[in-house]
C-alpha cells in the first residue's frame, strides 16, 4: 500500500499525552475528526495504526494539537516526536478545479511559458497566504514562485510539468 504523509509530530503538548503536529495537508478534518490514522516512526518502512481521539488547531502557531488513544502522559507523547502521520494514498479527498495535492506537484518540471525553456523542478510547496512553489533552478539555486494562476497558468499533471510567467527579477 502507498501512503500519503499528512503531518509530522514536532513536540509534546502539556502533561496529558497530547502532541503538536505540523500539518502537510489542507484538509483540517484529517486532524480534527476522530478515527484511524497511521504512524510512521523514523527509520521504519511500515506505519502502525493509531486512533485519533480529538484534535484542535492552534491559530497563532499553524499547528494542530492531537490526542491519540493509549498516549496518556508527556513521556509517551515525547516518544512520538519526529513520527509522521500518514493515510492510505487512496484516501485522497476530491479536489475542485484548479486545486492540487502537494505530493502531485513535487518533482514537476518547470518551464518558462514564453520560451518553453526548462528552468527547473518543483522541490517543495510552502504554505503562506498563497502557497509558494520552491523551484530548484538548473543552476541549483532555489527560488520561491507564488502559486497563483497569473504566474503559474499551466499545471499539467499528466505531462509532469508546470509553465510559469515569472515577473521580472523572480528567476534571475
C-alpha atoms as a PDB file:
ATOM      1  CA  UNK A   1       0.000   0.000   0.000  1.00  0.00           C
ATOM      2  CA  UNK A   2       1.197   3.524  -0.764  1.00  0.00           C
ATOM      3  CA  UNK A   3       0.920   6.214   1.898  1.00  0.00           C
ATOM      4  CA  UNK A   4       0.417   9.985   1.958  1.00  0.00           C
ATOM      5  CA  UNK A   5       2.101  11.987   4.678  1.00  0.00           C
ATOM      6  CA  UNK A   6      -0.371  14.400   6.239  1.00  0.00           C
ATOM      7  CA  UNK A   7       1.776  15.765   9.052  1.00  0.00           C
ATOM      8  CA  UNK A   8       4.803  15.454  11.309  1.00  0.00           C
ATOM      9  CA  UNK A   9       4.747  15.307  15.101  1.00  0.00           C
ATOM     10  CA  UNK A  10       7.079  18.046  16.315  1.00  0.00           C
ATOM     11  CA  UNK A  11       6.610  18.090  20.117  1.00  0.00           C
ATOM     12  CA  UNK A  12       4.639  17.011  23.133  1.00  0.00           C
ATOM     13  CA  UNK A  13       1.940  19.406  24.353  1.00  0.00           C
ATOM     14  CA  UNK A  14       1.313  19.628  28.080  1.00  0.00           C
ATOM     15  CA  UNK A  15       1.409  16.705  30.508  1.00  0.00           C
ATOM     16  CA  UNK A  16      -1.540  14.548  29.396  1.00  0.00           C
ATOM     17  CA  UNK A  17      -0.121  12.911  26.267  1.00  0.00           C
ATOM     18  CA  UNK A  18      -1.116  15.403  23.588  1.00  0.00           C
ATOM     19  CA  UNK A  19       1.224  16.097  20.664  1.00  0.00           C
ATOM     20  CA  UNK A  20       1.820  19.050  18.376  1.00  0.00           C
ATOM     21  CA  UNK A  21       1.774  18.236  14.695  1.00  0.00           C
ATOM     22  CA  UNK A  22       2.849  20.352  11.749  1.00  0.00           C
ATOM     23  CA  UNK A  23       0.248  19.709   9.020  1.00  0.00           C
ATOM     24  CA  UNK A  24       1.146  18.780   5.478  1.00  0.00           C
ATOM     25  CA  UNK A  25      -2.479  18.766   4.347  1.00  0.00           C
ATOM     26  CA  UNK A  26      -5.076  21.404   3.578  1.00  0.00           C
ATOM     27  CA  UNK A  27      -7.847  19.210   4.994  1.00  0.00           C
ATOM     28  CA  UNK A  28      -8.466  20.056   8.675  1.00  0.00           C
ATOM     29  CA  UNK A  29     -10.749  17.048   9.105  1.00  0.00           C
ATOM     30  CA  UNK A  30      -7.654  14.830   8.950  1.00  0.00           C
ATOM     31  CA  UNK A  31      -6.603  16.309  12.309  1.00  0.00           C
ATOM     32  CA  UNK A  32      -9.946  17.127  13.904  1.00  0.00           C
ATOM     33  CA  UNK A  33     -12.219  14.164  13.188  1.00  0.00           C
ATOM     34  CA  UNK A  34     -11.649  11.096  15.367  1.00  0.00           C
ATOM     35  CA  UNK A  35     -10.739   7.848  13.671  1.00  0.00           C
ATOM     36  CA  UNK A  36      -7.981   5.577  12.471  1.00  0.00           C
ATOM     37  CA  UNK A  37      -4.718   7.080  11.253  1.00  0.00           C
ATOM     38  CA  UNK A  38      -1.273   5.550  10.805  1.00  0.00           C
ATOM     39  CA  UNK A  39       2.002   6.473  12.457  1.00  0.00           C
ATOM     40  CA  UNK A  40       5.298   6.078  10.616  1.00  0.00           C
ATOM     41  CA  UNK A  41       8.203   6.038  13.049  1.00  0.00           C
ATOM     42  CA  UNK A  42      11.644   7.306  11.929  1.00  0.00           C
ATOM     43  CA  UNK A  43      13.620   4.553  10.212  1.00  0.00           C
ATOM     44  CA  UNK A  44      10.613   2.251   9.836  1.00  0.00           C
ATOM     45  CA  UNK A  45       9.202   1.125   6.484  1.00  0.00           C
ATOM     46  CA  UNK A  46       5.642   0.276   7.507  1.00  0.00           C
ATOM     47  CA  UNK A  47       3.290   2.501   9.513  1.00  0.00           C
ATOM     48  CA  UNK A  48       1.340   1.286  12.532  1.00  0.00           C
ATOM     49  CA  UNK A  49      -2.329   2.107  13.185  1.00  0.00           C
ATOM     50  CA  UNK A  50      -3.161   4.711  15.802  1.00  0.00           C
ATOM     51  CA  UNK A  51      -6.566   6.047  16.881  1.00  0.00           C
ATOM     52  CA  UNK A  52      -7.082   9.810  16.800  1.00  0.00           C
ATOM     53  CA  UNK A  53      -9.400  10.778  19.649  1.00  0.00           C
ATOM     54  CA  UNK A  54      -9.516  14.534  19.114  1.00  0.00           C
ATOM     55  CA  UNK A  55      -7.635  17.441  17.620  1.00  0.00           C
ATOM     56  CA  UNK A  56      -7.696  21.205  17.608  1.00  0.00           C
ATOM     57  CA  UNK A  57      -5.951  23.907  15.590  1.00  0.00           C
ATOM     58  CA  UNK A  58      -3.642  26.486  17.189  1.00  0.00           C
ATOM     59  CA  UNK A  59      -4.208  29.584  15.030  1.00  0.00           C
ATOM     60  CA  UNK A  60      -1.202  31.539  16.203  1.00  0.00           C
ATOM     61  CA  UNK A  61       1.168  28.570  15.725  1.00  0.00           C
ATOM     62  CA  UNK A  62      -0.058  26.976  12.477  1.00  0.00           C
ATOM     63  CA  UNK A  63      -0.099  23.620  14.279  1.00  0.00           C
ATOM     64  CA  UNK A  64      -2.629  21.087  15.474  1.00  0.00           C
ATOM     65  CA  UNK A  65      -2.727  19.550  18.940  1.00  0.00           C
ATOM     66  CA  UNK A  66      -3.839  15.902  18.802  1.00  0.00           C
ATOM     67  CA  UNK A  67      -4.732  13.280  21.367  1.00  0.00           C
ATOM     68  CA  UNK A  68      -4.305   9.601  20.498  1.00  0.00           C
ATOM     69  CA  UNK A  69      -5.700   6.502  22.204  1.00  0.00           C
ATOM     70  CA  UNK A  70      -3.141   4.933  24.552  1.00  0.00           C
ATOM     71  CA  UNK A  71      -0.951   8.046  24.781  1.00  0.00           C
ATOM     72  CA  UNK A  72      -1.691   9.387  28.246  1.00  0.00           C
ATOM     73  CA  UNK A  73       1.418  11.178  29.523  1.00  0.00           C
ATOM     74  CA  UNK A  74       4.170  13.504  28.357  1.00  0.00           C
ATOM     75  CA  UNK A  75       6.803  10.735  28.107  1.00  0.00           C
ATOM     76  CA  UNK A  76       4.629   8.720  25.716  1.00  0.00           C
ATOM     77  CA  UNK A  77       3.941  11.876  23.694  1.00  0.00           C
ATOM     78  CA  UNK A  78       7.666  12.748  23.566  1.00  0.00           C
ATOM     79  CA  UNK A  79       8.378   9.251  22.207  1.00  0.00           C
ATOM     80  CA  UNK A  80       6.265  10.188  19.149  1.00  0.00           C
ATOM     81  CA  UNK A  81       8.408  13.218  18.229  1.00  0.00           C
ATOM     82  CA  UNK A  82       9.512  13.097  14.557  1.00  0.00           C
ATOM     83  CA  UNK A  83       6.934  10.434  13.683  1.00  0.00           C
ATOM     84  CA  UNK A  84       4.938  11.077  10.516  1.00  0.00           C
ATOM     85  CA  UNK A  85       1.164  10.808  10.406  1.00  0.00           C
ATOM     86  CA  UNK A  86       0.081   9.061   7.196  1.00  0.00           C
ATOM     87  CA  UNK A  87      -3.073   7.844   5.487  1.00  0.00           C
ATOM     88  CA  UNK A  88      -3.532   5.407   2.595  1.00  0.00           C
ATOM     89  CA  UNK A  89      -2.916   7.105  -0.755  1.00  0.00           C
ATOM     90  CA  UNK A  90      -6.426   6.194  -1.906  1.00  0.00           C
ATOM     91  CA  UNK A  91      -7.803   8.288   0.994  1.00  0.00           C
ATOM     92  CA  UNK A  92      -7.395  11.488  -1.033  1.00  0.00           C
ATOM     93  CA  UNK A  93     -10.257  13.973  -0.789  1.00  0.00           C
ATOM     94  CA  UNK A  94     -11.787  15.089  -4.070  1.00  0.00           C
ATOM     95  CA  UNK A  95     -10.469  18.442  -5.222  1.00  0.00           C
ATOM     96  CA  UNK A  96     -12.085  21.352  -7.002  1.00  0.00           C
ATOM     97  CA  UNK A  97     -10.926  22.511 -10.429  1.00  0.00           C
ATOM     98  CA  UNK A  98      -7.552  24.257 -10.063  1.00  0.00           C
ATOM     99  CA  UNK A  99      -6.693  22.531  -6.758  1.00  0.00           C
ATOM    100  CA  UNK A 100      -3.841  20.068  -6.426  1.00  0.00           C
ATOM    101  CA  UNK A 101      -2.424  17.667  -3.880  1.00  0.00           C
ATOM    102  CA  UNK A 102       1.027  18.846  -2.772  1.00  0.00           C
ATOM    103  CA  UNK A 103       2.567  15.428  -3.382  1.00  0.00           C
ATOM    104  CA  UNK A 104       1.471  15.607  -7.047  1.00  0.00           C
ATOM    105  CA  UNK A 105       3.317  18.903  -7.552  1.00  0.00           C
ATOM    106  CA  UNK A 106       6.657  17.702  -6.192  1.00  0.00           C
ATOM    107  CA  UNK A 107       9.124  16.847  -8.935  1.00  0.00           C
ATOM    108  CA  UNK A 108       7.206  18.569 -11.744  1.00  0.00           C
ATOM    109  CA  UNK A 109       9.449  20.165 -14.343  1.00  0.00           C
ATOM    110  CA  UNK A 110       9.113  23.944 -14.566  1.00  0.00           C
ATOM    111  CA  UNK A 111       9.121  25.665 -17.951  1.00  0.00           C
ATOM    112  CA  UNK A 112       9.105  29.337 -18.914  1.00  0.00           C
ATOM    113  CA  UNK A 113       5.798  29.663 -20.774  1.00  0.00           C
ATOM    114  CA  UNK A 114       7.067  32.278 -23.233  1.00  0.00           C
ATOM    115  CA  UNK A 115      10.198  30.392 -24.341  1.00  0.00           C
ATOM    116  CA  UNK A 116       9.202  26.802 -23.405  1.00  0.00           C
ATOM    117  CA  UNK A 117      12.693  26.553 -21.885  1.00  0.00           C
ATOM    118  CA  UNK A 118      13.149  24.126 -18.978  1.00  0.00           C
ATOM    119  CA  UNK A 119      14.208  26.189 -15.971  1.00  0.00           C
ATOM    120  CA  UNK A 120      13.992  23.738 -13.057  1.00  0.00           C
ATOM    121  CA  UNK A 121      11.752  21.500 -10.979  1.00  0.00           C
ATOM    122  CA  UNK A 122       9.365  21.852  -8.031  1.00  0.00           C
ATOM    123  CA  UNK A 123      11.049  20.596  -4.842  1.00  0.00           C
ATOM    124  CA  UNK A 124       8.581  21.809  -2.201  1.00  0.00           C
ATOM    125  CA  UNK A 125       5.310  23.661  -1.662  1.00  0.00           C
ATOM    126  CA  UNK A 126       5.304  26.137   1.208  1.00  0.00           C
ATOM    127  CA  UNK A 127       2.077  27.325   2.803  1.00  0.00           C
ATOM    128  CA  UNK A 128       1.881  31.099   3.091  1.00  0.00           C
ATOM    129  CA  UNK A 129      -1.258  33.123   2.341  1.00  0.00           C
ATOM    130  CA  UNK A 130      -0.920  31.939  -1.238  1.00  0.00           C
ATOM    131  CA  UNK A 131       1.170  28.794  -1.496  1.00  0.00           C
ATOM    132  CA  UNK A 132       4.713  29.136  -2.804  1.00  0.00           C
ATOM    133  CA  UNK A 133       6.376  26.652  -5.128  1.00  0.00           C
ATOM    134  CA  UNK A 134      10.006  26.127  -4.193  1.00  0.00           C
ATOM    135  CA  UNK A 135      11.711  25.659  -7.541  1.00  0.00           C
ATOM    136  CA  UNK A 136      15.247  24.362  -7.880  1.00  0.00           C
ATOM    137  CA  UNK A 137      16.663  26.002 -10.969  1.00  0.00           C
ATOM    138  CA  UNK A 138      19.031  24.178 -13.331  1.00  0.00           C
ATOM    139  CA  UNK A 139      21.827  26.213 -11.696  1.00  0.00           C
ATOM    140  CA  UNK A 140      20.867  24.524  -8.354  1.00  0.00           C
ATOM    141  CA  UNK A 141      19.739  27.882  -6.969  1.00  0.00           C
ATOM    142  CA  UNK A 142      16.283  27.758  -5.349  1.00  0.00           C
ATOM    143  CA  UNK A 143      13.577  30.386  -5.838  1.00  0.00           C
ATOM    144  CA  UNK A 144      10.057  30.785  -4.448  1.00  0.00           C
ATOM    145  CA  UNK A 145       7.313  31.175  -7.035  1.00  0.00           C
ATOM    146  CA  UNK A 146       3.859  32.344  -5.909  1.00  0.00           C
ATOM    147  CA  UNK A 147       1.413  29.571  -6.805  1.00  0.00           C
ATOM    148  CA  UNK A 148      -1.223  31.825  -8.349  1.00  0.00           C
ATOM    149  CA  UNK A 149      -2.789  31.455 -11.787  1.00  0.00           C
ATOM    150  CA  UNK A 150      -1.278  34.708 -13.079  1.00  0.00           C
ATOM    151  CA  UNK A 151       2.257  33.355 -12.507  1.00  0.00           C
ATOM    152  CA  UNK A 152       1.606  29.598 -12.836  1.00  0.00           C
ATOM    153  CA  UNK A 153      -1.068  29.437 -15.561  1.00  0.00           C
ATOM    154  CA  UNK A 154      -0.420  25.794 -16.563  1.00  0.00           C
ATOM    155  CA  UNK A 155      -0.228  22.748 -14.308  1.00  0.00           C
ATOM    156  CA  UNK A 156      -0.198  19.566 -16.381  1.00  0.00           C
ATOM    157  CA  UNK A 157      -0.005  16.568 -14.058  1.00  0.00           C
ATOM    158  CA  UNK A 158      -0.248  14.094 -16.942  1.00  0.00           C
ATOM    159  CA  UNK A 159       2.849  15.586 -18.595  1.00  0.00           C
ATOM    160  CA  UNK A 160       4.518  16.204 -15.163  1.00  0.00           C
ATOM    161  CA  UNK A 161       5.109  19.897 -15.934  1.00  0.00           C
ATOM    162  CA  UNK A 162       4.147  23.423 -14.956  1.00  0.00           C
ATOM    163  CA  UNK A 163       4.564  26.539 -17.013  1.00  0.00           C
ATOM    164  CA  UNK A 164       5.264  29.864 -15.361  1.00  0.00           C
ATOM    165  CA  UNK A 165       5.197  33.504 -16.446  1.00  0.00           C
ATOM    166  CA  UNK A 166       7.681  34.910 -13.935  1.00  0.00           C
ATOM    167  CA  UNK A 167       7.686  38.646 -13.253  1.00  0.00           C
ATOM    168  CA  UNK A 168      10.973  40.402 -13.956  1.00  0.00           C
ATOM    169  CA  UNK A 169      13.624  39.540 -11.371  1.00  0.00           C
ATOM    170  CA  UNK A 170      11.902  36.441  -9.967  1.00  0.00           C
ATOM    171  CA  UNK A 171      14.149  33.889 -11.641  1.00  0.00           C
ATOM    172  CA  UNK A 172      17.362  35.893 -12.122  1.00  0.00           C
END
